[in-house]
PDB file of N, CA and C in Angstrom:
ATOM      1  N   UNK A   1     126.746  79.223 112.018  1.00  0.00           N
ATOM      2  CA  UNK A   1     127.219  78.460 110.884  1.00  0.00           C
ATOM      3  C   UNK A   1     127.405  77.146 111.053  1.00  0.00           C
ATOM      4  N   UNK A   2     127.740  76.819 112.540  1.00  0.00           N
ATOM      5  CA  UNK A   2     127.955  75.358 113.018  1.00  0.00           C
ATOM      6  C   UNK A   2     126.942  75.094 113.338  1.00  0.00           C
ATOM      7  N   UNK A   3     126.473  75.633 113.774  1.00  0.00           N
ATOM      8  CA  UNK A   3     124.822  74.437 114.507  1.00  0.00           C
ATOM      9  C   UNK A   3     124.026  74.507 113.048  1.00  0.00           C
ATOM     10  N   UNK A   4     124.057  75.290 112.470  1.00  0.00           N
ATOM     11  CA  UNK A   4     123.269  74.195 111.112  1.00  0.00           C
ATOM     12  C   UNK A   4     124.252  73.890 110.223  1.00  0.00           C
ATOM     13  N   UNK A   5     125.411  73.304 110.322  1.00  0.00           N
ATOM     14  CA  UNK A   5     125.844  71.779 109.894  1.00  0.00           C
ATOM     15  C   UNK A   5     125.833  71.015 110.966  1.00  0.00           C
ATOM     16  N   UNK A   6     126.099  71.654 112.329  1.00  0.00           N
ATOM     17  CA  UNK A   6     125.435  70.011 112.841  1.00  0.00           C
ATOM     18  C   UNK A   6     123.997  69.612 112.869  1.00  0.00           C
ATOM     19  N   UNK A   7     123.174  70.985 112.472  1.00  0.00           N
ATOM     20  CA  UNK A   7     121.750  70.216 112.133  1.00  0.00           C
ATOM     21  C   UNK A   7     121.327  69.514 111.069  1.00  0.00           C
ATOM     22  N   UNK A   8     121.788  69.832 110.022  1.00  0.00           N
ATOM     23  CA  UNK A   8     122.338  69.112 108.975  1.00  0.00           C
ATOM     24  C   UNK A   8     122.989  67.638 108.777  1.00  0.00           C
ATOM     25  N   UNK A   9     123.907  68.145 109.392  1.00  0.00           N
ATOM     26  CA  UNK A   9     124.373  66.457 109.664  1.00  0.00           C
ATOM     27  C   UNK A   9     123.272  65.205 110.008  1.00  0.00           C
ATOM     28  N   UNK A  10     122.737  65.881 111.321  1.00  0.00           N
ATOM     29  CA  UNK A  10     121.419  64.936 111.424  1.00  0.00           C
ATOM     30  C   UNK A  10     120.906  64.668 111.288  1.00  0.00           C
ATOM     31  N   UNK A  11     119.973  65.585 110.416  1.00  0.00           N
ATOM     32  CA  UNK A  11     119.360  65.430 109.423  1.00  0.00           C
ATOM     33  C   UNK A  11     119.500  64.495 108.409  1.00  0.00           C
ATOM     34  N   UNK A  12     120.873  64.775 107.553  1.00  0.00           N
ATOM     35  CA  UNK A  12     121.207  63.580 107.017  1.00  0.00           C
ATOM     36  C   UNK A  12     121.371  62.254 107.524  1.00  0.00           C
ATOM     37  N   UNK A  13     121.744  62.107 107.972  1.00  0.00           N
ATOM     38  CA  UNK A  13     122.253  60.873 109.210  1.00  0.00           C
ATOM     39  C   UNK A  13     120.675  60.219 109.781  1.00  0.00           C
ATOM     40  N   UNK A  14     119.840  61.046 109.703  1.00  0.00           N
ATOM     41  CA  UNK A  14     118.243  60.447 109.885  1.00  0.00           C
ATOM     42  C   UNK A  14     117.430  59.745 108.983  1.00  0.00           C
ATOM     43  N   UNK A  15     118.098  61.021 107.563  1.00  0.00           N
ATOM     44  CA  UNK A  15     117.515  60.444 106.651  1.00  0.00           C
ATOM     45  C   UNK A  15     117.972  59.109 106.282  1.00  0.00           C
ATOM     46  N   UNK A  16     118.967  58.750 106.134  1.00  0.00           N
ATOM     47  CA  UNK A  16     119.885  57.566 105.494  1.00  0.00           C
ATOM     48  C   UNK A  16     119.750  56.744 106.619  1.00  0.00           C
ATOM     49  N   UNK A  17     119.502  56.459 108.071  1.00  0.00           N
ATOM     50  CA  UNK A  17     119.688  55.799 108.542  1.00  0.00           C
ATOM     51  C   UNK A  17     118.565  54.403 108.924  1.00  0.00           C
ATOM     52  N   UNK A  18     118.726  53.689 109.077  1.00  0.00           N
ATOM     53  CA  UNK A  18     117.994  52.546 108.936  1.00  0.00           C
ATOM     54  C   UNK A  18     117.594  51.964 109.840  1.00  0.00           C
ATOM     55  N   UNK A  19     118.067  52.334 111.117  1.00  0.00           N
ATOM     56  CA  UNK A  19     117.614  51.642 112.425  1.00  0.00           C
ATOM     57  C   UNK A  19     116.757  53.108 113.110  1.00  0.00           C
ATOM     58  N   UNK A  20     116.404  52.468 114.031  1.00  0.00           N
ATOM     59  CA  UNK A  20     114.884  53.692 114.320  1.00  0.00           C
ATOM     60  C   UNK A  20     115.477  54.171 115.515  1.00  0.00           C
ATOM     61  N   UNK A  21     116.310  52.901 116.401  1.00  0.00           N
ATOM     62  CA  UNK A  21     116.901  53.533 117.375  1.00  0.00           C
ATOM     63  C   UNK A  21     117.712  54.622 117.623  1.00  0.00           C
ATOM     64  N   UNK A  22     118.315  54.489 116.389  1.00  0.00           N
ATOM     65  CA  UNK A  22     119.806  55.892 115.866  1.00  0.00           C
ATOM     66  C   UNK A  22     118.783  57.199 115.508  1.00  0.00           C
ATOM     67  N   UNK A  23     117.819  56.957 114.787  1.00  0.00           N
ATOM     68  CA  UNK A  23     116.736  57.938 113.946  1.00  0.00           C
ATOM     69  C   UNK A  23     116.498  58.468 115.902  1.00  0.00           C
ATOM     70  N   UNK A  24     115.825  57.930 117.011  1.00  0.00           N
ATOM     71  CA  UNK A  24     115.532  58.989 117.842  1.00  0.00           C
ATOM     72  C   UNK A  24     117.014  59.851 118.583  1.00  0.00           C
ATOM     73  N   UNK A  25     117.973  59.101 118.514  1.00  0.00           N
ATOM     74  CA  UNK A  25     118.817  59.965 119.138  1.00  0.00           C
ATOM     75  C   UNK A  25     119.236  60.820 117.956  1.00  0.00           C
ATOM     76  N   UNK A  26     119.598  61.291 116.853  1.00  0.00           N
ATOM     77  CA  UNK A  26     119.753  61.727 115.674  1.00  0.00           C
ATOM     78  C   UNK A  26     118.344  63.154 116.507  1.00  0.00           C
ATOM     79  N   UNK A  27     117.212  62.942 116.356  1.00  0.00           N
ATOM     80  CA  UNK A  27     116.322  63.602 116.104  1.00  0.00           C
ATOM     81  C   UNK A  27     116.591  64.801 117.599  1.00  0.00           C
ATOM     82  N   UNK A  28     116.743  63.646 118.791  1.00  0.00           N
ATOM     83  CA  UNK A  28     116.868  64.411 120.022  1.00  0.00           C
ATOM     84  C   UNK A  28     118.051  65.013 120.837  1.00  0.00           C
ATOM     85  N   UNK A  29     119.228  64.980 119.419  1.00  0.00           N
ATOM     86  CA  UNK A  29     120.553  65.815 119.373  1.00  0.00           C
ATOM     87  C   UNK A  29     120.318  66.860 118.316  1.00  0.00           C
ATOM     88  N   UNK A  30     119.395  67.109 117.701  1.00  0.00           N
ATOM     89  CA  UNK A  30     119.258  68.015 116.756  1.00  0.00           C
ATOM     90  C   UNK A  30     118.250  68.946 117.708  1.00  0.00           C
ATOM     91  N   UNK A  31     117.177  68.147 118.607  1.00  0.00           N
ATOM     92  CA  UNK A  31     116.465  69.551 119.331  1.00  0.00           C
ATOM     93  C   UNK A  31     117.550  70.083 119.924  1.00  0.00           C
ATOM     94  N   UNK A  32     118.753  69.600 120.516  1.00  0.00           N
ATOM     95  CA  UNK A  32     119.900  70.050 121.445  1.00  0.00           C
ATOM     96  C   UNK A  32     119.908  71.188 121.005  1.00  0.00           C
ATOM     97  N   UNK A  33     120.773  70.628 119.678  1.00  0.00           N
ATOM     98  CA  UNK A  33     121.326  72.124 118.784  1.00  0.00           C
ATOM     99  C   UNK A  33     120.422  73.143 118.827  1.00  0.00           C
ATOM    100  N   UNK A  34     119.511  72.461 118.542  1.00  0.00           N
ATOM    101  CA  UNK A  34     118.827  74.085 118.340  1.00  0.00           C
ATOM    102  C   UNK A  34     118.273  74.825 119.472  1.00  0.00           C
ATOM    103  N   UNK A  35     118.318  74.037 120.604  1.00  0.00           N
ATOM    104  CA  UNK A  35     117.861  74.902 121.682  1.00  0.00           C
ATOM    105  C   UNK A  35     119.279  75.417 122.221  1.00  0.00           C
ATOM    106  N   UNK A  36     120.329  75.021 121.854  1.00  0.00           N
ATOM    107  CA  UNK A  36     121.944  76.093 121.894  1.00  0.00           C
ATOM    108  C   UNK A  36     121.879  77.027 121.712  1.00  0.00           C
ATOM    109  N   UNK A  37     121.106  76.882 120.263  1.00  0.00           N
ATOM    110  CA  UNK A  37     121.332  78.160 118.785  1.00  0.00           C
ATOM    111  C   UNK A  37     120.656  79.306 119.423  1.00  0.00           C
ATOM    112  N   UNK A  38     119.402  79.105 119.923  1.00  0.00           N
ATOM    113  CA  UNK A  38     118.641  79.558 120.788  1.00  0.00           C
ATOM    114  C   UNK A  38     119.112  80.492 121.374  1.00  0.00           C
ATOM    115  N   UNK A  39     119.697  79.431 122.632  1.00  0.00           N
ATOM    116  CA  UNK A  39     120.139  80.288 124.093  1.00  0.00           C
ATOM    117  C   UNK A  39     121.261  81.599 123.161  1.00  0.00           C
ATOM    118  N   UNK A  40     121.921  81.225 122.473  1.00  0.00           N
ATOM    119  CA  UNK A  40     123.160  81.955 122.241  1.00  0.00           C
ATOM    120  C   UNK A  40     122.822  83.423 121.344  1.00  0.00           C
ATOM    121  N   UNK A  41     121.657  82.885 120.651  1.00  0.00           N
ATOM    122  CA  UNK A  41     120.521  84.257 119.914  1.00  0.00           C
ATOM    123  C   UNK A  41     119.938  85.344 120.873  1.00  0.00           C
ATOM    124  N   UNK A  42     120.063  84.841 121.797  1.00  0.00           N
ATOM    125  CA  UNK A  42     119.416  85.249 123.327  1.00  0.00           C
ATOM    126  C   UNK A  42     120.273  85.718 123.870  1.00  0.00           C
ATOM    127  N   UNK A  43     121.402  85.538 124.142  1.00  0.00           N
ATOM    128  CA  UNK A  43     122.601  86.151 125.358  1.00  0.00           C
ATOM    129  C   UNK A  43     122.862  87.320 123.795  1.00  0.00           C
ATOM    130  N   UNK A  44     122.842  86.769 122.728  1.00  0.00           N
ATOM    131  CA  UNK A  44     123.614  88.035 121.647  1.00  0.00           C
ATOM    132  C   UNK A  44     122.878  89.247 122.141  1.00  0.00           C
ATOM    133  N   UNK A  45     121.024  88.791 122.033  1.00  0.00           N
ATOM    134  CA  UNK A  45     120.093  90.060 121.851  1.00  0.00           C
ATOM    135  C   UNK A  45     120.288  90.724 123.248  1.00  0.00           C
ATOM    136  N   UNK A  46     120.313  89.910 124.104  1.00  0.00           N
ATOM    137  CA  UNK A  46     121.015  90.724 125.570  1.00  0.00           C
ATOM    138  C   UNK A  46     121.878  91.588 125.684  1.00  0.00           C
ATOM    139  N   UNK A  47     122.916  90.856 125.242  1.00  0.00           N
ATOM    140  CA  UNK A  47     124.332  92.202 124.910  1.00  0.00           C
ATOM    141  C   UNK A  47     124.129  93.050 124.095  1.00  0.00           C
ATOM    142  N   UNK A  48     123.202  93.417 123.326  1.00  0.00           N
ATOM    143  CA  UNK A  48     123.057  94.052 122.051  1.00  0.00           C
ATOM    144  C   UNK A  48     124.259  93.544 120.903  1.00  0.00           C
ATOM    145  N   UNK A  49     124.330  92.568 120.988  1.00  0.00           N
ATOM    146  CA  UNK A  49     125.649  92.184 119.880  1.00  0.00           C
ATOM    147  C   UNK A  49     124.789  91.876 117.912  1.00  0.00           C
ATOM    148  N   UNK A  50     123.625  91.874 118.606  1.00  0.00           N
ATOM    149  CA  UNK A  50     122.584  91.544 117.618  1.00  0.00           C
ATOM    150  C   UNK A  50     121.291  92.625 117.132  1.00  0.00           C
ATOM    151  N   UNK A  51     121.016  93.172 116.591  1.00  0.00           N
ATOM    152  CA  UNK A  51     120.094  94.080 116.717  1.00  0.00           C
ATOM    153  C   UNK A  51     118.121  93.364 115.670  1.00  0.00           C
ATOM    154  N   UNK A  52     117.716  93.784 115.544  1.00  0.00           N
ATOM    155  CA  UNK A  52     116.296  93.404 115.124  1.00  0.00           C
ATOM    156  C   UNK A  52     116.545  93.935 113.768  1.00  0.00           C
ATOM    157  N   UNK A  53     116.226  92.970 112.709  1.00  0.00           N
ATOM    158  CA  UNK A  53     116.335  92.902 110.997  1.00  0.00           C
ATOM    159  C   UNK A  53     115.146  94.486 110.975  1.00  0.00           C
ATOM    160  N   UNK A  54     116.003  95.124 109.991  1.00  0.00           N
ATOM    161  CA  UNK A  54     114.805  96.297 109.482  1.00  0.00           C
ATOM    162  C   UNK A  54     114.100  95.574 108.921  1.00  0.00           C
ATOM    163  N   UNK A  55     112.702  96.021 108.870  1.00  0.00           N
ATOM    164  CA  UNK A  55     111.141  95.397 108.143  1.00  0.00           C
ATOM    165  C   UNK A  55     111.444  96.383 107.514  1.00  0.00           C
ATOM    166  N   UNK A  56     110.294  95.908 106.109  1.00  0.00           N
ATOM    167  CA  UNK A  56     109.538  96.763 105.025  1.00  0.00           C
ATOM    168  C   UNK A  56     108.646  97.559 105.167  1.00  0.00           C
ATOM    169  N   UNK A  57     108.968  98.985 105.166  1.00  0.00           N
ATOM    170  CA  UNK A  57     107.634  99.688 104.786  1.00  0.00           C
ATOM    171  C   UNK A  57     106.419  99.292 104.502  1.00  0.00           C
ATOM    172  N   UNK A  58     105.336  99.575 105.196  1.00  0.00           N
ATOM    173  CA  UNK A  58     103.590  99.452 104.922  1.00  0.00           C
ATOM    174  C   UNK A  58     103.657 100.467 104.080  1.00  0.00           C
ATOM    175  N   UNK A  59     103.009 100.424 102.598  1.00  0.00           N
ATOM    176  CA  UNK A  59     102.878 100.886 102.079  1.00  0.00           C
ATOM    177  C   UNK A  59     101.424 101.506 102.042  1.00  0.00           C
ATOM    178  N   UNK A  60     101.002 100.201 101.805  1.00  0.00           N
ATOM    179  CA  UNK A  60      99.395 100.341 101.803  1.00  0.00           C
ATOM    180  C   UNK A  60      98.513 100.818 102.784  1.00  0.00           C
ATOM    181  N   UNK A  61      98.859 101.468 104.407  1.00  0.00           N
ATOM    182  CA  UNK A  61      98.613 102.204 104.910  1.00  0.00           C
ATOM    183  C   UNK A  61      98.725 103.980 105.073  1.00  0.00           C
TER     184      UNK A  61
END
């Protein structure tokens, strides 16, 4: 939830900013947040704190 809100804040700042140098910084920080979120999910999967979601049954096979 925190990573989603951080990404949202940077996306809003990027959309409303009129300075191109700030837009590049917002995009860079947004990428760092996404990498952090991926690292956390990988850690949760490694420690079996997060399970794969169940998929739908293929009824056409």
